[in-house]
Amino acid sequence: MSPLHLRSRRPQRALGFTLVELVMVLLIIGVLAVFALPRLLDTTMWRLTAYGNELQAQMQAMHRLALLQRRPVVATINTTGVRFAYVSGGSLLTLDCPATVTPCISEAGPRTVTFNSLSSGRAVTSSGAALPVTVASGSHSTRYQVETETGLFRRLP
């Protein structure tokens, strides 16, 4: 080939993205993931499910504690959470609703469950019957029930 022929050829441009462009795109995607995505996704359902699971675990733990220590434990349920304490005095635990979902318990008014009532091993509810507890907000709700006599706290289908 002659040198004249080489000069008339245009150098080919490399195709693709530069490293700077790729880093900028990843940076923008990262910022959107951190700030915008949580606002777009509704995390209420997840928070309520976690709260319901924690409530169930704590109710069972307090029931066991009352039986093991042979001391009555009362659970006071209201719309903003549940408070556990010994009947004779002394607070044990407060399980508040998630900060973004208050109130999270549907039933109105304070209601109580006394585990190991009168050191008999029985659970007594303020209504005298099985006590419903509905963890709900918006369209999401999960129903639980405290069984009288046994104190079993279970999720309803």
C-alpha atoms as a PDB file:
ATOM      1  CA  MET A   1       0.000   0.000   0.000  1.00  0.00           C
ATOM      2  CA  SER A   2       1.117   3.452  -0.724  1.00  0.00           C
ATOM      3  CA  PRO A   3       1.483   6.092   1.988  1.00  0.00           C
ATOM      4  CA  LEU A   4      -1.156   8.154   0.243  1.00  0.00           C
ATOM      5  CA  HIS A   5      -3.677   5.413   0.681  1.00  0.00           C
ATOM      6  CA  LEU A   6      -2.981   5.267   4.474  1.00  0.00           C
ATOM      7  CA  ARG A   7      -3.582   8.957   4.910  1.00  0.00           C
ATOM      8  CA  SER A   8      -7.030   8.876   3.377  1.00  0.00           C
ATOM      9  CA  ARG A   9      -8.233   6.306   5.846  1.00  0.00           C
ATOM     10  CA  ARG A  10      -9.999   7.665   8.878  1.00  0.00           C
ATOM     11  CA  PRO A  11      -8.991   6.306  12.248  1.00  0.00           C
ATOM     12  CA  GLN A  12     -11.822   4.242  13.733  1.00  0.00           C
ATOM     13  CA  ARG A  13     -13.327   5.490  16.925  1.00  0.00           C
ATOM     14  CA  ALA A  14     -13.603   3.103  19.871  1.00  0.00           C
ATOM     15  CA  LEU A  15     -17.203   2.244  20.704  1.00  0.00           C
ATOM     16  CA  GLY A  16     -18.547   1.949  24.246  1.00  0.00           C
ATOM     17  CA  PHE A  17     -18.629   3.968  27.434  1.00  0.00           C
ATOM     18  CA  THR A  18     -15.772   5.544  29.277  1.00  0.00           C
ATOM     19  CA  LEU A  19     -14.992   4.643  32.845  1.00  0.00           C
ATOM     20  CA  VAL A  20     -16.167   8.072  34.025  1.00  0.00           C
ATOM     21  CA  GLU A  21     -19.565   7.598  32.388  1.00  0.00           C
ATOM     22  CA  LEU A  22     -20.009   4.170  33.986  1.00  0.00           C
ATOM     23  CA  VAL A  23     -19.077   5.482  37.432  1.00  0.00           C
ATOM     24  CA  MET A  24     -21.541   8.365  37.091  1.00  0.00           C
ATOM     25  CA  VAL A  25     -24.382   6.006  36.142  1.00  0.00           C
ATOM     26  CA  LEU A  26     -23.602   3.745  39.107  1.00  0.00           C
ATOM     27  CA  LEU A  27     -23.494   6.767  41.397  1.00  0.00           C
ATOM     28  CA  ILE A  28     -26.915   7.973  40.227  1.00  0.00           C
ATOM     29  CA  ILE A  29     -28.408   4.491  40.640  1.00  0.00           C
ATOM     30  CA  GLY A  30     -26.935   4.282  44.157  1.00  0.00           C
ATOM     31  CA  VAL A  31     -28.398   7.642  45.173  1.00  0.00           C
ATOM     32  CA  LEU A  32     -31.811   6.642  43.852  1.00  0.00           C
ATOM     33  CA  ALA A  33     -31.651   3.317  45.692  1.00  0.00           C
ATOM     34  CA  VAL A  34     -30.814   4.977  49.003  1.00  0.00           C
ATOM     35  CA  PHE A  35     -33.201   7.926  48.913  1.00  0.00           C
ATOM     36  CA  ALA A  36     -36.004   7.341  46.424  1.00  0.00           C
ATOM     37  CA  LEU A  37     -36.734   3.608  46.641  1.00  0.00           C
ATOM     38  CA  PRO A  38     -37.771   3.485  50.314  1.00  0.00           C
ATOM     39  CA  ARG A  39     -40.263   6.262  49.651  1.00  0.00           C
ATOM     40  CA  LEU A  40     -41.704   4.433  46.673  1.00  0.00           C
ATOM     41  CA  LEU A  41     -41.995   1.068  48.407  1.00  0.00           C
ATOM     42  CA  ASP A  42     -44.563   0.615  51.145  1.00  0.00           C
ATOM     43  CA  THR A  43     -42.783  -0.896  54.133  1.00  0.00           C
ATOM     44  CA  THR A  44     -45.816  -0.716  56.431  1.00  0.00           C
ATOM     45  CA  MET A  45     -46.767  -4.333  55.808  1.00  0.00           C
ATOM     46  CA  TRP A  46     -43.264  -5.516  56.698  1.00  0.00           C
ATOM     47  CA  ARG A  47     -43.168  -3.426  59.869  1.00  0.00           C
ATOM     48  CA  LEU A  48     -46.553  -4.703  61.025  1.00  0.00           C
ATOM     49  CA  THR A  49     -45.616  -8.311  60.317  1.00  0.00           C
ATOM     50  CA  ALA A  50     -42.414  -7.892  62.314  1.00  0.00           C
ATOM     51  CA  TYR A  51     -44.338  -6.237  65.161  1.00  0.00           C
ATOM     52  CA  GLY A  52     -46.914  -9.050  65.188  1.00  0.00           C
ATOM     53  CA  ASN A  53     -44.162 -11.680  65.314  1.00  0.00           C
ATOM     54  CA  GLU A  54     -42.417  -9.828  68.143  1.00  0.00           C
ATOM     55  CA  LEU A  55     -45.704  -9.444  70.026  1.00  0.00           C
ATOM     56  CA  GLN A  56     -46.396 -13.154  69.723  1.00  0.00           C
ATOM     57  CA  ALA A  57     -42.900 -14.038  70.940  1.00  0.00           C
ATOM     58  CA  GLN A  58     -43.074 -11.643  73.898  1.00  0.00           C
ATOM     59  CA  MET A  59     -46.535 -12.835  74.957  1.00  0.00           C
ATOM     60  CA  GLN A  60     -45.290 -16.422  75.000  1.00  0.00           C
ATOM     61  CA  ALA A  61     -42.115 -15.404  76.852  1.00  0.00           C
ATOM     62  CA  MET A  62     -44.075 -13.513  79.529  1.00  0.00           C
ATOM     63  CA  HIS A  63     -46.422 -16.460  79.945  1.00  0.00           C
ATOM     64  CA  ARG A  64     -43.426 -18.756  80.508  1.00  0.00           C
ATOM     65  CA  LEU A  65     -41.835 -16.223  82.874  1.00  0.00           C
ATOM     66  CA  ALA A  66     -44.994 -16.052  84.982  1.00  0.00           C
ATOM     67  CA  LEU A  67     -45.124 -19.825  85.254  1.00  0.00           C
ATOM     68  CA  LEU A  68     -41.399 -20.233  85.989  1.00  0.00           C
ATOM     69  CA  GLN A  69     -41.256 -17.515  88.632  1.00  0.00           C
ATOM     70  CA  ARG A  70     -44.691 -18.391  90.018  1.00  0.00           C
ATOM     71  CA  ARG A  71     -45.610 -14.713  89.892  1.00  0.00           C
ATOM     72  CA  PRO A  72     -48.562 -13.268  87.979  1.00  0.00           C
ATOM     73  CA  VAL A  73     -47.639 -11.102  84.997  1.00  0.00           C
ATOM     74  CA  VAL A  74     -50.157  -8.728  83.455  1.00  0.00           C
ATOM     75  CA  ALA A  75     -50.103  -7.599  79.825  1.00  0.00           C
ATOM     76  CA  THR A  76     -51.931  -4.337  79.194  1.00  0.00           C
ATOM     77  CA  ILE A  77     -52.910  -3.990  75.535  1.00  0.00           C
ATOM     78  CA  ASN A  78     -53.900  -0.621  74.080  1.00  0.00           C
ATOM     79  CA  THR A  79     -53.850   0.926  70.606  1.00  0.00           C
ATOM     80  CA  THR A  80     -50.218   2.079  70.829  1.00  0.00           C
ATOM     81  CA  GLY A  81     -48.638  -1.121  72.119  1.00  0.00           C
ATOM     82  CA  VAL A  82     -48.396  -3.609  74.962  1.00  0.00           C
ATOM     83  CA  ARG A  83     -46.933  -3.155  78.438  1.00  0.00           C
ATOM     84  CA  PHE A  84     -45.884  -6.105  80.599  1.00  0.00           C
ATOM     85  CA  ALA A  85     -45.531  -5.846  84.372  1.00  0.00           C
ATOM     86  CA  TYR A  86     -45.754  -7.932  87.511  1.00  0.00           C
ATOM     87  CA  VAL A  87     -49.132  -7.702  89.234  1.00  0.00           C
ATOM     88  CA  SER A  88     -47.394  -6.892  92.506  1.00  0.00           C
ATOM     89  CA  GLY A  89     -45.531  -4.009  90.835  1.00  0.00           C
ATOM     90  CA  GLY A  90     -42.476  -3.690  88.675  1.00  0.00           C
ATOM     91  CA  SER A  91     -42.410  -3.069  84.974  1.00  0.00           C
ATOM     92  CA  LEU A  92     -40.964  -5.766  82.736  1.00  0.00           C
ATOM     93  CA  LEU A  93     -41.213  -4.642  79.128  1.00  0.00           C
ATOM     94  CA  THR A  94     -42.993  -2.181  76.871  1.00  0.00           C
ATOM     95  CA  LEU A  95     -43.550  -3.160  73.250  1.00  0.00           C
ATOM     96  CA  ASP A  96     -44.586  -0.007  71.378  1.00  0.00           C
ATOM     97  CA  CYS A  97     -46.025   0.107  67.881  1.00  0.00           C
ATOM     98  CA  PRO A  98     -43.552   0.901  65.092  1.00  0.00           C
ATOM     99  CA  ALA A  99     -42.904   4.649  64.931  1.00  0.00           C
ATOM    100  CA  THR A 100     -44.372   5.039  61.454  1.00  0.00           C
ATOM    101  CA  VAL A 101     -47.475   2.942  62.211  1.00  0.00           C
ATOM    102  CA  THR A 102     -49.179   4.332  65.312  1.00  0.00           C
ATOM    103  CA  PRO A 103     -51.761   3.184  66.312  1.00  0.00           C
ATOM    104  CA  CYS A 104     -51.169  -0.392  65.218  1.00  0.00           C
ATOM    105  CA  ILE A 105     -53.664  -2.324  67.356  1.00  0.00           C
ATOM    106  CA  SER A 106     -57.246  -1.992  66.167  1.00  0.00           C
ATOM    107  CA  GLU A 107     -59.251  -2.778  69.280  1.00  0.00           C
ATOM    108  CA  ALA A 108     -59.998   0.322  71.342  1.00  0.00           C
ATOM    109  CA  GLY A 109     -59.425   0.769  75.041  1.00  0.00           C
ATOM    110  CA  PRO A 110     -56.964  -0.861  77.359  1.00  0.00           C
ATOM    111  CA  ARG A 111     -57.492  -4.590  77.846  1.00  0.00           C
ATOM    112  CA  THR A 112     -55.532  -6.914  80.058  1.00  0.00           C
ATOM    113  CA  VAL A 113     -54.350 -10.499  80.229  1.00  0.00           C
ATOM    114  CA  THR A 114     -53.015 -11.840  83.520  1.00  0.00           C
ATOM    115  CA  PHE A 115     -50.759 -14.847  83.127  1.00  0.00           C
ATOM    116  CA  ASN A 116     -50.580 -17.238  86.106  1.00  0.00           C
ATOM    117  CA  SER A 117     -53.489 -15.479  87.785  1.00  0.00           C
ATOM    118  CA  LEU A 118     -53.626 -16.132  91.553  1.00  0.00           C
ATOM    119  CA  SER A 119     -50.650 -18.490  91.045  1.00  0.00           C
ATOM    120  CA  SER A 120     -53.011 -21.035  89.543  1.00  0.00           C
ATOM    121  CA  GLY A 121     -51.318 -21.277  86.135  1.00  0.00           C
ATOM    122  CA  ARG A 122     -54.443 -19.896  84.452  1.00  0.00           C
ATOM    123  CA  ALA A 123     -54.628 -16.868  82.213  1.00  0.00           C
ATOM    124  CA  VAL A 124     -57.443 -14.448  82.880  1.00  0.00           C
ATOM    125  CA  THR A 125     -58.511 -11.826  80.349  1.00  0.00           C
ATOM    126  CA  SER A 126     -60.320  -8.588  81.143  1.00  0.00           C
ATOM    127  CA  SER A 127     -63.255  -9.724  78.996  1.00  0.00           C
ATOM    128  CA  GLY A 128     -63.480 -13.149  80.630  1.00  0.00           C
ATOM    129  CA  ALA A 129     -63.319 -14.807  77.207  1.00  0.00           C
ATOM    130  CA  ALA A 130     -60.740 -15.266  74.473  1.00  0.00           C
ATOM    131  CA  LEU A 131     -59.249 -11.845  73.788  1.00  0.00           C
ATOM    132  CA  PRO A 132     -58.792 -10.746  70.152  1.00  0.00           C
ATOM    133  CA  VAL A 133     -55.796  -8.621  69.180  1.00  0.00           C
ATOM    134  CA  THR A 134     -55.680  -7.219  65.643  1.00  0.00           C
ATOM    135  CA  VAL A 135     -52.430  -5.683  64.424  1.00  0.00           C
ATOM    136  CA  ALA A 136     -53.522  -3.465  61.548  1.00  0.00           C
ATOM    137  CA  SER A 137     -52.896  -0.349  59.520  1.00  0.00           C
ATOM    138  CA  GLY A 138     -54.513   0.549  56.224  1.00  0.00           C
ATOM    139  CA  SER A 139     -55.305  -2.558  54.198  1.00  0.00           C
ATOM    140  CA  HIS A 140     -52.946  -4.866  56.132  1.00  0.00           C
ATOM    141  CA  SER A 141     -54.218  -6.673  59.213  1.00  0.00           C
ATOM    142  CA  THR A 142     -53.267  -9.774  61.142  1.00  0.00           C
ATOM    143  CA  ARG A 143     -55.523 -11.244  63.805  1.00  0.00           C
ATOM    144  CA  TYR A 144     -54.311 -12.891  66.984  1.00  0.00           C
ATOM    145  CA  GLN A 145     -56.130 -14.277  69.970  1.00  0.00           C
ATOM    146  CA  VAL A 146     -55.240 -14.837  73.612  1.00  0.00           C
ATOM    147  CA  GLU A 147     -56.932 -17.987  74.827  1.00  0.00           C
ATOM    148  CA  THR A 148     -58.443 -17.822  78.267  1.00  0.00           C
ATOM    149  CA  GLU A 149     -57.402 -20.520  80.731  1.00  0.00           C
ATOM    150  CA  THR A 150     -54.234 -21.546  78.836  1.00  0.00           C
ATOM    151  CA  GLY A 151     -52.857 -18.119  77.934  1.00  0.00           C
ATOM    152  CA  LEU A 152     -51.939 -19.311  74.449  1.00  0.00           C
ATOM    153  CA  PHE A 153     -51.341 -16.344  72.131  1.00  0.00           C
ATOM    154  CA  ARG A 154     -51.855 -17.509  68.587  1.00  0.00           C
ATOM    155  CA  ARG A 155     -52.291 -16.124  65.115  1.00  0.00           C
ATOM    156  CA  LEU A 156     -55.692 -16.707  63.582  1.00  0.00           C
ATOM    157  CA  PRO A 157     -56.047 -17.862  59.971  1.00  0.00           C
END
